[in-house]
Amino acid sequence: MVMSDMTSEDEIVKLTILDELSDEPSFKAYIEAKVYDKEGHLIQHHRQHMRSLTQYFLALMSIPLIGTFQEPPTNQATGILTNILGLPTQHYTYGSNSANILWNWSIVLGSGTQNFSPSLNGLAAPISNGSGSGQLIYGATNTNYAGTSIFISVIVSNYSSVSINVTEIGLQGTIYIGYWNSSNVYSTDTYTFLLSYDVLSTAISIPPGGFAAFQITLSFTG
């Protein structure tokens, strides 16, 4: 059944529903998806709680809380970064230059299902970026915030001739360590992790020529 909702930039970006559920904890996380056909009509809207943050999310959040290294005389990376994320205890950098740690995240989608584990680090059946059969074209992941909420969103398009079902979703994080190597050339080491994993309670079906907007909302309340 086609729902009476036409495509607009405001509609695609503004996925957040403002109604609240009772007896919710102070940290809330939601997954939301809106699917549009090739004419731009809204044909599916889905929202559910995101429940499955991994140990990699905890390790990443430790950086602003406790930093990236232990104070002298240790001068090494914290245990949670080396044990969970597998980062080096120390990193070489040329001369008196210092190394930098940067990170970003993106939404990843899949067509499979699997049981959740805190150490899970990949989707069961990732949907790759492309216009072929079983592929979706991924737009850029956008991150915005308002008040005490962070919104991570992406738009994906189906350029193939068949519908594509999305049954799993994750938040993927990437850490970059930038440093000057032994030749004094700036280099980057990359580490990728799955920060969250959820199976969708209802499959998101994207028709040929259609597209979908996915959003993950992380909300902190007092």
C-alpha atoms as a PDB file:
ATOM      1  CA  MET A   1       0.000   0.000   0.000  1.00  0.00           C
ATOM      2  CA  VAL A   2       1.379   3.395  -0.977  1.00  0.00           C
ATOM      3  CA  MET A   3       1.445   5.911   1.841  1.00  0.00           C
ATOM      4  CA  SER A   4       0.730   9.557   1.050  1.00  0.00           C
ATOM      5  CA  ASP A   5       4.202  10.981   1.464  1.00  0.00           C
ATOM      6  CA  MET A   6       6.209  12.525  -1.378  1.00  0.00           C
ATOM      7  CA  THR A   7       9.968  12.897  -1.525  1.00  0.00           C
ATOM      8  CA  SER A   8      11.612  16.093  -0.287  1.00  0.00           C
ATOM      9  CA  GLU A   9      15.041  16.892   1.107  1.00  0.00           C
ATOM     10  CA  ASP A  10      13.526  17.748   4.470  1.00  0.00           C
ATOM     11  CA  GLU A  11      11.663  14.452   4.565  1.00  0.00           C
ATOM     12  CA  ILE A  12      14.706  12.383   3.677  1.00  0.00           C
ATOM     13  CA  VAL A  13      16.923  14.002   6.290  1.00  0.00           C
ATOM     14  CA  LYS A  14      14.358  14.495   9.049  1.00  0.00           C
ATOM     15  CA  LEU A  15      13.619  10.915  10.037  1.00  0.00           C
ATOM     16  CA  THR A  16      13.417  11.429  13.784  1.00  0.00           C
ATOM     17  CA  ILE A  17      10.065  10.815  15.455  1.00  0.00           C
ATOM     18  CA  LEU A  18       9.621  12.994  18.510  1.00  0.00           C
ATOM     19  CA  ASP A  19       7.118  10.888  20.433  1.00  0.00           C
ATOM     20  CA  GLU A  20       8.546   9.191  23.546  1.00  0.00           C
ATOM     21  CA  LEU A  21       7.941   5.752  24.979  1.00  0.00           C
ATOM     22  CA  SER A  22       7.358   5.392  28.706  1.00  0.00           C
ATOM     23  CA  ASP A  23       9.843   3.903  31.181  1.00  0.00           C
ATOM     24  CA  GLU A  24      12.847   4.321  28.880  1.00  0.00           C
ATOM     25  CA  PRO A  25      16.443   4.411  30.160  1.00  0.00           C
ATOM     26  CA  SER A  26      18.596   7.545  30.015  1.00  0.00           C
ATOM     27  CA  PHE A  27      20.497   6.180  26.982  1.00  0.00           C
ATOM     28  CA  LYS A  28      18.295   5.349  24.021  1.00  0.00           C
ATOM     29  CA  ALA A  29      19.191   4.166  20.544  1.00  0.00           C
ATOM     30  CA  TYR A  30      16.862   3.773  17.591  1.00  0.00           C
ATOM     31  CA  ILE A  31      16.997   2.434  14.050  1.00  0.00           C
ATOM     32  CA  GLU A  32      14.679   4.015  11.532  1.00  0.00           C
ATOM     33  CA  ALA A  33      14.119   3.427   7.823  1.00  0.00           C
ATOM     34  CA  LYS A  34      11.922   5.009   5.167  1.00  0.00           C
ATOM     35  CA  VAL A  35      11.585   3.429   1.726  1.00  0.00           C
ATOM     36  CA  TYR A  36      10.481   5.303  -1.406  1.00  0.00           C
ATOM     37  CA  ASP A  37       9.507   3.955  -4.817  1.00  0.00           C
ATOM     38  CA  LYS A  38      10.909   5.352  -8.067  1.00  0.00           C
ATOM     39  CA  GLU A  39       8.165   8.013  -8.144  1.00  0.00           C
ATOM     40  CA  GLY A  40       9.210   9.252  -4.707  1.00  0.00           C
ATOM     41  CA  HIS A  41       6.223   7.899  -2.757  1.00  0.00           C
ATOM     42  CA  LEU A  42       6.821   6.619   0.767  1.00  0.00           C
ATOM     43  CA  ILE A  43       5.972   2.899   0.709  1.00  0.00           C
ATOM     44  CA  GLN A  44       7.486   1.624   3.976  1.00  0.00           C
ATOM     45  CA  HIS A  45       8.367   3.148   7.329  1.00  0.00           C
ATOM     46  CA  HIS A  46      10.068   1.134  10.059  1.00  0.00           C
ATOM     47  CA  ARG A  47      11.389   2.048  13.508  1.00  0.00           C
ATOM     48  CA  GLN A  48      12.808  -0.111  16.277  1.00  0.00           C
ATOM     49  CA  HIS A  49      15.123   0.067  19.267  1.00  0.00           C
ATOM     50  CA  MET A  50      18.809  -0.535  18.620  1.00  0.00           C
ATOM     51  CA  ARG A  51      19.926  -2.931  21.350  1.00  0.00           C
ATOM     52  CA  SER A  52      23.229  -4.424  20.296  1.00  0.00           C
ATOM     53  CA  LEU A  53      26.262  -2.226  20.913  1.00  0.00           C
ATOM     54  CA  THR A  54      29.514  -4.184  20.722  1.00  0.00           C
ATOM     55  CA  GLN A  55      32.682  -4.157  22.807  1.00  0.00           C
ATOM     56  CA  TYR A  56      34.274  -2.063  20.062  1.00  0.00           C
ATOM     57  CA  PHE A  57      31.797   0.747  20.726  1.00  0.00           C
ATOM     58  CA  LEU A  58      32.798   0.697  24.404  1.00  0.00           C
ATOM     59  CA  ALA A  59      36.488   0.766  23.476  1.00  0.00           C
ATOM     60  CA  LEU A  60      35.977   3.687  21.091  1.00  0.00           C
ATOM     61  CA  MET A  61      34.058   5.653  23.731  1.00  0.00           C
ATOM     62  CA  SER A  62      36.944   5.115  26.164  1.00  0.00           C
ATOM     63  CA  ILE A  63      39.117   7.526  24.138  1.00  0.00           C
ATOM     64  CA  PRO A  64      37.378  10.757  25.243  1.00  0.00           C
ATOM     65  CA  LEU A  65      36.946   9.354  28.773  1.00  0.00           C
ATOM     66  CA  ILE A  66      40.424   8.060  29.635  1.00  0.00           C
ATOM     67  CA  GLY A  67      42.559   9.116  26.679  1.00  0.00           C
ATOM     68  CA  THR A  68      44.716   7.109  24.308  1.00  0.00           C
ATOM     69  CA  PHE A  69      47.784   6.430  26.475  1.00  0.00           C
ATOM     70  CA  GLN A  70      48.865   5.710  30.023  1.00  0.00           C
ATOM     71  CA  GLU A  71      50.921   8.345  31.790  1.00  0.00           C
ATOM     72  CA  PRO A  72      54.696   7.972  32.387  1.00  0.00           C
ATOM     73  CA  PRO A  73      56.561   5.814  33.069  1.00  0.00           C
ATOM     74  CA  THR A  74      54.319   3.474  31.023  1.00  0.00           C
ATOM     75  CA  ASN A  75      53.814   5.711  27.956  1.00  0.00           C
ATOM     76  CA  GLN A  76      51.764   3.065  26.194  1.00  0.00           C
ATOM     77  CA  ALA A  77      48.253   2.830  24.814  1.00  0.00           C
ATOM     78  CA  THR A  78      45.512   1.947  27.295  1.00  0.00           C
ATOM     79  CA  GLY A  79      44.685  -1.724  27.721  1.00  0.00           C
ATOM     80  CA  ILE A  80      41.199  -1.423  26.235  1.00  0.00           C
ATOM     81  CA  LEU A  81      42.643  -0.022  22.990  1.00  0.00           C
ATOM     82  CA  THR A  82      45.282  -2.724  22.646  1.00  0.00           C
ATOM     83  CA  ASN A  83      43.206  -5.675  23.906  1.00  0.00           C
ATOM     84  CA  ILE A  84      39.864  -4.872  22.242  1.00  0.00           C
ATOM     85  CA  LEU A  85      40.750  -2.758  19.200  1.00  0.00           C
ATOM     86  CA  GLY A  86      44.136  -4.325  18.580  1.00  0.00           C
ATOM     87  CA  LEU A  87      45.930  -0.978  18.340  1.00  0.00           C
ATOM     88  CA  PRO A  88      49.695  -0.955  18.920  1.00  0.00           C
ATOM     89  CA  THR A  89      50.964  -0.232  22.438  1.00  0.00           C
ATOM     90  CA  GLN A  90      53.319   2.362  20.951  1.00  0.00           C
ATOM     91  CA  HIS A  91      53.733   3.750  17.448  1.00  0.00           C
ATOM     92  CA  TYR A  92      56.850   4.952  15.696  1.00  0.00           C
ATOM     93  CA  THR A  93      56.856   8.441  14.209  1.00  0.00           C
ATOM     94  CA  TYR A  94      59.777  10.181  12.545  1.00  0.00           C
ATOM     95  CA  GLY A  95      61.866  12.597  14.594  1.00  0.00           C
ATOM     96  CA  SER A  96      59.928  14.758  17.034  1.00  0.00           C
ATOM     97  CA  ASN A  97      56.632  14.451  15.135  1.00  0.00           C
ATOM     98  CA  SER A  98      53.617  13.060  16.953  1.00  0.00           C
ATOM     99  CA  ALA A  99      51.108  10.460  15.793  1.00  0.00           C
ATOM    100  CA  ASN A 100      47.414  11.312  15.481  1.00  0.00           C
ATOM    101  CA  ILE A 101      44.310   9.205  16.057  1.00  0.00           C
ATOM    102  CA  LEU A 102      41.254  10.023  13.927  1.00  0.00           C
ATOM    103  CA  TRP A 103      37.989   8.127  13.501  1.00  0.00           C
ATOM    104  CA  ASN A 104      34.681   8.146  11.686  1.00  0.00           C
ATOM    105  CA  TRP A 105      31.663   5.885  11.299  1.00  0.00           C
ATOM    106  CA  SER A 106      29.207   4.730   8.654  1.00  0.00           C
ATOM    107  CA  ILE A 107      26.024   2.687   8.388  1.00  0.00           C
ATOM    108  CA  VAL A 108      26.421  -0.762   6.811  1.00  0.00           C
ATOM    109  CA  LEU A 109      23.549  -2.924   5.542  1.00  0.00           C
ATOM    110  CA  GLY A 110      23.173  -6.630   4.881  1.00  0.00           C
ATOM    111  CA  SER A 111      20.785  -9.281   3.623  1.00  0.00           C
ATOM    112  CA  GLY A 112      21.509 -12.009   6.188  1.00  0.00           C
ATOM    113  CA  THR A 113      20.964 -12.665   9.888  1.00  0.00           C
ATOM    114  CA  GLN A 114      23.123 -13.926  12.747  1.00  0.00           C
ATOM    115  CA  ASN A 115      23.106 -14.100  16.517  1.00  0.00           C
ATOM    116  CA  PHE A 116      24.539 -11.111  18.326  1.00  0.00           C
ATOM    117  CA  SER A 117      27.804 -11.305  20.244  1.00  0.00           C
ATOM    118  CA  PRO A 118      29.726  -8.424  21.876  1.00  0.00           C
ATOM    119  CA  SER A 119      32.761  -9.482  19.826  1.00  0.00           C
ATOM    120  CA  LEU A 120      30.875  -9.624  16.509  1.00  0.00           C
ATOM    121  CA  ASN A 121      32.827  -7.688  13.878  1.00  0.00           C
ATOM    122  CA  GLY A 122      30.930  -8.083  10.609  1.00  0.00           C
ATOM    123  CA  LEU A 123      27.532  -8.538   8.990  1.00  0.00           C
ATOM    124  CA  ALA A 124      26.313 -11.979   7.976  1.00  0.00           C
ATOM    125  CA  ALA A 125      25.810 -10.974   4.322  1.00  0.00           C
ATOM    126  CA  PRO A 126      26.993  -7.409   3.600  1.00  0.00           C
ATOM    127  CA  ILE A 127      25.327  -5.593   0.705  1.00  0.00           C
ATOM    128  CA  SER A 128      28.090  -4.102  -1.395  1.00  0.00           C
ATOM    129  CA  ASN A 129      28.159  -0.689  -3.042  1.00  0.00           C
ATOM    130  CA  GLY A 130      27.215  -0.867  -6.706  1.00  0.00           C
ATOM    131  CA  SER A 131      24.450  -0.978  -9.297  1.00  0.00           C
ATOM    132  CA  GLY A 132      24.485  -4.717 -10.015  1.00  0.00           C
ATOM    133  CA  SER A 133      22.192  -7.465  -8.794  1.00  0.00           C
ATOM    134  CA  GLY A 134      21.981  -7.519  -4.999  1.00  0.00           C
ATOM    135  CA  GLN A 135      23.919  -4.240  -4.680  1.00  0.00           C
ATOM    136  CA  LEU A 136      22.943  -0.784  -3.439  1.00  0.00           C
ATOM    137  CA  ILE A 137      24.454   2.608  -4.209  1.00  0.00           C
ATOM    138  CA  TYR A 138      25.457   4.150  -0.858  1.00  0.00           C
ATOM    139  CA  GLY A 139      25.416   7.887  -0.378  1.00  0.00           C
ATOM    140  CA  ALA A 140      27.662   9.627   2.109  1.00  0.00           C
ATOM    141  CA  THR A 141      27.006   8.934   5.790  1.00  0.00           C
ATOM    142  CA  ASN A 142      25.903  12.131   7.516  1.00  0.00           C
ATOM    143  CA  THR A 143      26.190  12.858  11.239  1.00  0.00           C
ATOM    144  CA  ASN A 144      24.196  15.604  12.943  1.00  0.00           C
ATOM    145  CA  TYR A 145      23.233  16.416  16.496  1.00  0.00           C
ATOM    146  CA  ALA A 146      20.499  18.318  18.279  1.00  0.00           C
ATOM    147  CA  GLY A 147      20.306  18.763  22.026  1.00  0.00           C
ATOM    148  CA  THR A 148      21.464  15.465  23.525  1.00  0.00           C
ATOM    149  CA  SER A 149      20.896  13.314  20.426  1.00  0.00           C
ATOM    150  CA  ILE A 150      23.254  12.238  17.638  1.00  0.00           C
ATOM    151  CA  PHE A 151      21.802  11.265  14.260  1.00  0.00           C
ATOM    152  CA  ILE A 152      23.738   9.075  11.800  1.00  0.00           C
ATOM    153  CA  SER A 153      22.024   8.670   8.419  1.00  0.00           C
ATOM    154  CA  VAL A 154      22.594   7.350   4.923  1.00  0.00           C
ATOM    155  CA  ILE A 155      20.560   7.143   1.712  1.00  0.00           C
ATOM    156  CA  VAL A 156      20.890   4.028  -0.476  1.00  0.00           C
ATOM    157  CA  SER A 157      19.500   3.555  -3.990  1.00  0.00           C
ATOM    158  CA  ASN A 158      18.544   0.413  -5.869  1.00  0.00           C
ATOM    159  CA  TYR A 159      19.638   0.709  -9.503  1.00  0.00           C
ATOM    160  CA  SER A 160      19.104  -2.988 -10.214  1.00  0.00           C
ATOM    161  CA  SER A 161      16.041  -4.622 -11.811  1.00  0.00           C
ATOM    162  CA  VAL A 162      14.889  -6.545  -8.713  1.00  0.00           C
ATOM    163  CA  SER A 163      13.879  -5.629  -5.172  1.00  0.00           C
ATOM    164  CA  ILE A 164      16.586  -5.852  -2.501  1.00  0.00           C
ATOM    165  CA  ASN A 165      15.750  -6.839   1.061  1.00  0.00           C
ATOM    166  CA  VAL A 166      17.742  -5.370   3.944  1.00  0.00           C
ATOM    167  CA  THR A 167      17.533  -7.568   7.047  1.00  0.00           C
ATOM    168  CA  GLU A 168      20.548  -6.468   9.128  1.00  0.00           C
ATOM    169  CA  ILE A 169      22.148  -3.150   9.966  1.00  0.00           C
ATOM    170  CA  GLY A 170      25.305  -2.076  11.732  1.00  0.00           C
ATOM    171  CA  LEU A 171      27.262   0.998  12.687  1.00  0.00           C
ATOM    172  CA  GLN A 172      30.819   0.566  11.435  1.00  0.00           C
ATOM    173  CA  GLY A 173      33.673   2.562  12.928  1.00  0.00           C
ATOM    174  CA  THR A 174      37.087   3.202  11.405  1.00  0.00           C
ATOM    175  CA  ILE A 175      40.151   4.406  13.325  1.00  0.00           C
ATOM    176  CA  TYR A 176      43.080   5.996  11.493  1.00  0.00           C
ATOM    177  CA  ILE A 177      46.536   6.370  13.033  1.00  0.00           C
ATOM    178  CA  GLY A 178      48.433   9.042  11.125  1.00  0.00           C
ATOM    179  CA  TYR A 179      52.198   9.301  11.526  1.00  0.00           C
ATOM    180  CA  TRP A 180      55.452  10.155   9.762  1.00  0.00           C
ATOM    181  CA  ASN A 181      57.234   6.972   8.709  1.00  0.00           C
ATOM    182  CA  SER A 182      60.961   6.294   8.687  1.00  0.00           C
ATOM    183  CA  SER A 183      61.245   8.204   5.387  1.00  0.00           C
ATOM    184  CA  ASN A 184      59.494  11.213   6.967  1.00  0.00           C
ATOM    185  CA  VAL A 185      56.432  10.638   4.751  1.00  0.00           C
ATOM    186  CA  TYR A 186      52.987  10.962   6.329  1.00  0.00           C
ATOM    187  CA  SER A 187      51.309   7.539   6.432  1.00  0.00           C
ATOM    188  CA  THR A 188      48.055   6.122   7.782  1.00  0.00           C
ATOM    189  CA  ASP A 189      47.212   2.782   9.393  1.00  0.00           C
ATOM    190  CA  THR A 190      43.509   1.850   9.282  1.00  0.00           C
ATOM    191  CA  TYR A 191      41.472  -0.287  11.713  1.00  0.00           C
ATOM    192  CA  THR A 192      37.792  -1.103  11.118  1.00  0.00           C
ATOM    193  CA  PHE A 193      35.263  -2.376  13.671  1.00  0.00           C
ATOM    194  CA  LEU A 194      31.552  -3.103  13.994  1.00  0.00           C
ATOM    195  CA  LEU A 195      30.205  -0.791  16.703  1.00  0.00           C
ATOM    196  CA  SER A 196      26.644  -2.141  16.657  1.00  0.00           C
ATOM    197  CA  TYR A 197      24.687  -4.978  15.058  1.00  0.00           C
ATOM    198  CA  ASP A 198      20.943  -5.510  14.846  1.00  0.00           C
ATOM    199  CA  VAL A 199      18.648  -7.771  12.872  1.00  0.00           C
ATOM    200  CA  LEU A 200      15.659  -5.800  11.622  1.00  0.00           C
ATOM    201  CA  SER A 201      12.339  -7.053  13.007  1.00  0.00           C
ATOM    202  CA  THR A 202      10.803  -6.341   9.587  1.00  0.00           C
ATOM    203  CA  ALA A 203      12.760  -6.664   6.356  1.00  0.00           C
ATOM    204  CA  ILE A 204      13.235  -3.394   4.487  1.00  0.00           C
ATOM    205  CA  SER A 205      12.384  -4.027   0.825  1.00  0.00           C
ATOM    206  CA  ILE A 206      13.794  -1.491  -1.652  1.00  0.00           C
ATOM    207  CA  PRO A 207      12.135  -1.782  -5.089  1.00  0.00           C
ATOM    208  CA  PRO A 208      13.907  -1.350  -8.445  1.00  0.00           C
ATOM    209  CA  GLY A 209      14.569   2.340  -9.012  1.00  0.00           C
ATOM    210  CA  GLY A 210      13.658   3.100  -5.409  1.00  0.00           C
ATOM    211  CA  PHE A 211      15.722   4.276  -2.502  1.00  0.00           C
ATOM    212  CA  ALA A 212      15.728   4.196   1.289  1.00  0.00           C
ATOM    213  CA  ALA A 213      16.899   6.484   4.071  1.00  0.00           C
ATOM    214  CA  PHE A 214      18.319   4.752   7.151  1.00  0.00           C
ATOM    215  CA  GLN A 215      19.034   6.542  10.404  1.00  0.00           C
ATOM    216  CA  ILE A 216      20.551   5.500  13.727  1.00  0.00           C
ATOM    217  CA  THR A 217      19.768   7.831  16.630  1.00  0.00           C
ATOM    218  CA  LEU A 218      21.798   7.844  19.839  1.00  0.00           C
ATOM    219  CA  SER A 219      20.015   9.841  22.531  1.00  0.00           C
ATOM    220  CA  PHE A 220      21.116  10.751  26.065  1.00  0.00           C
ATOM    221  CA  THR A 221      18.573  12.073  28.576  1.00  0.00           C
ATOM    222  CA  GLY A 222      18.722  12.955  32.255  1.00  0.00           C
END
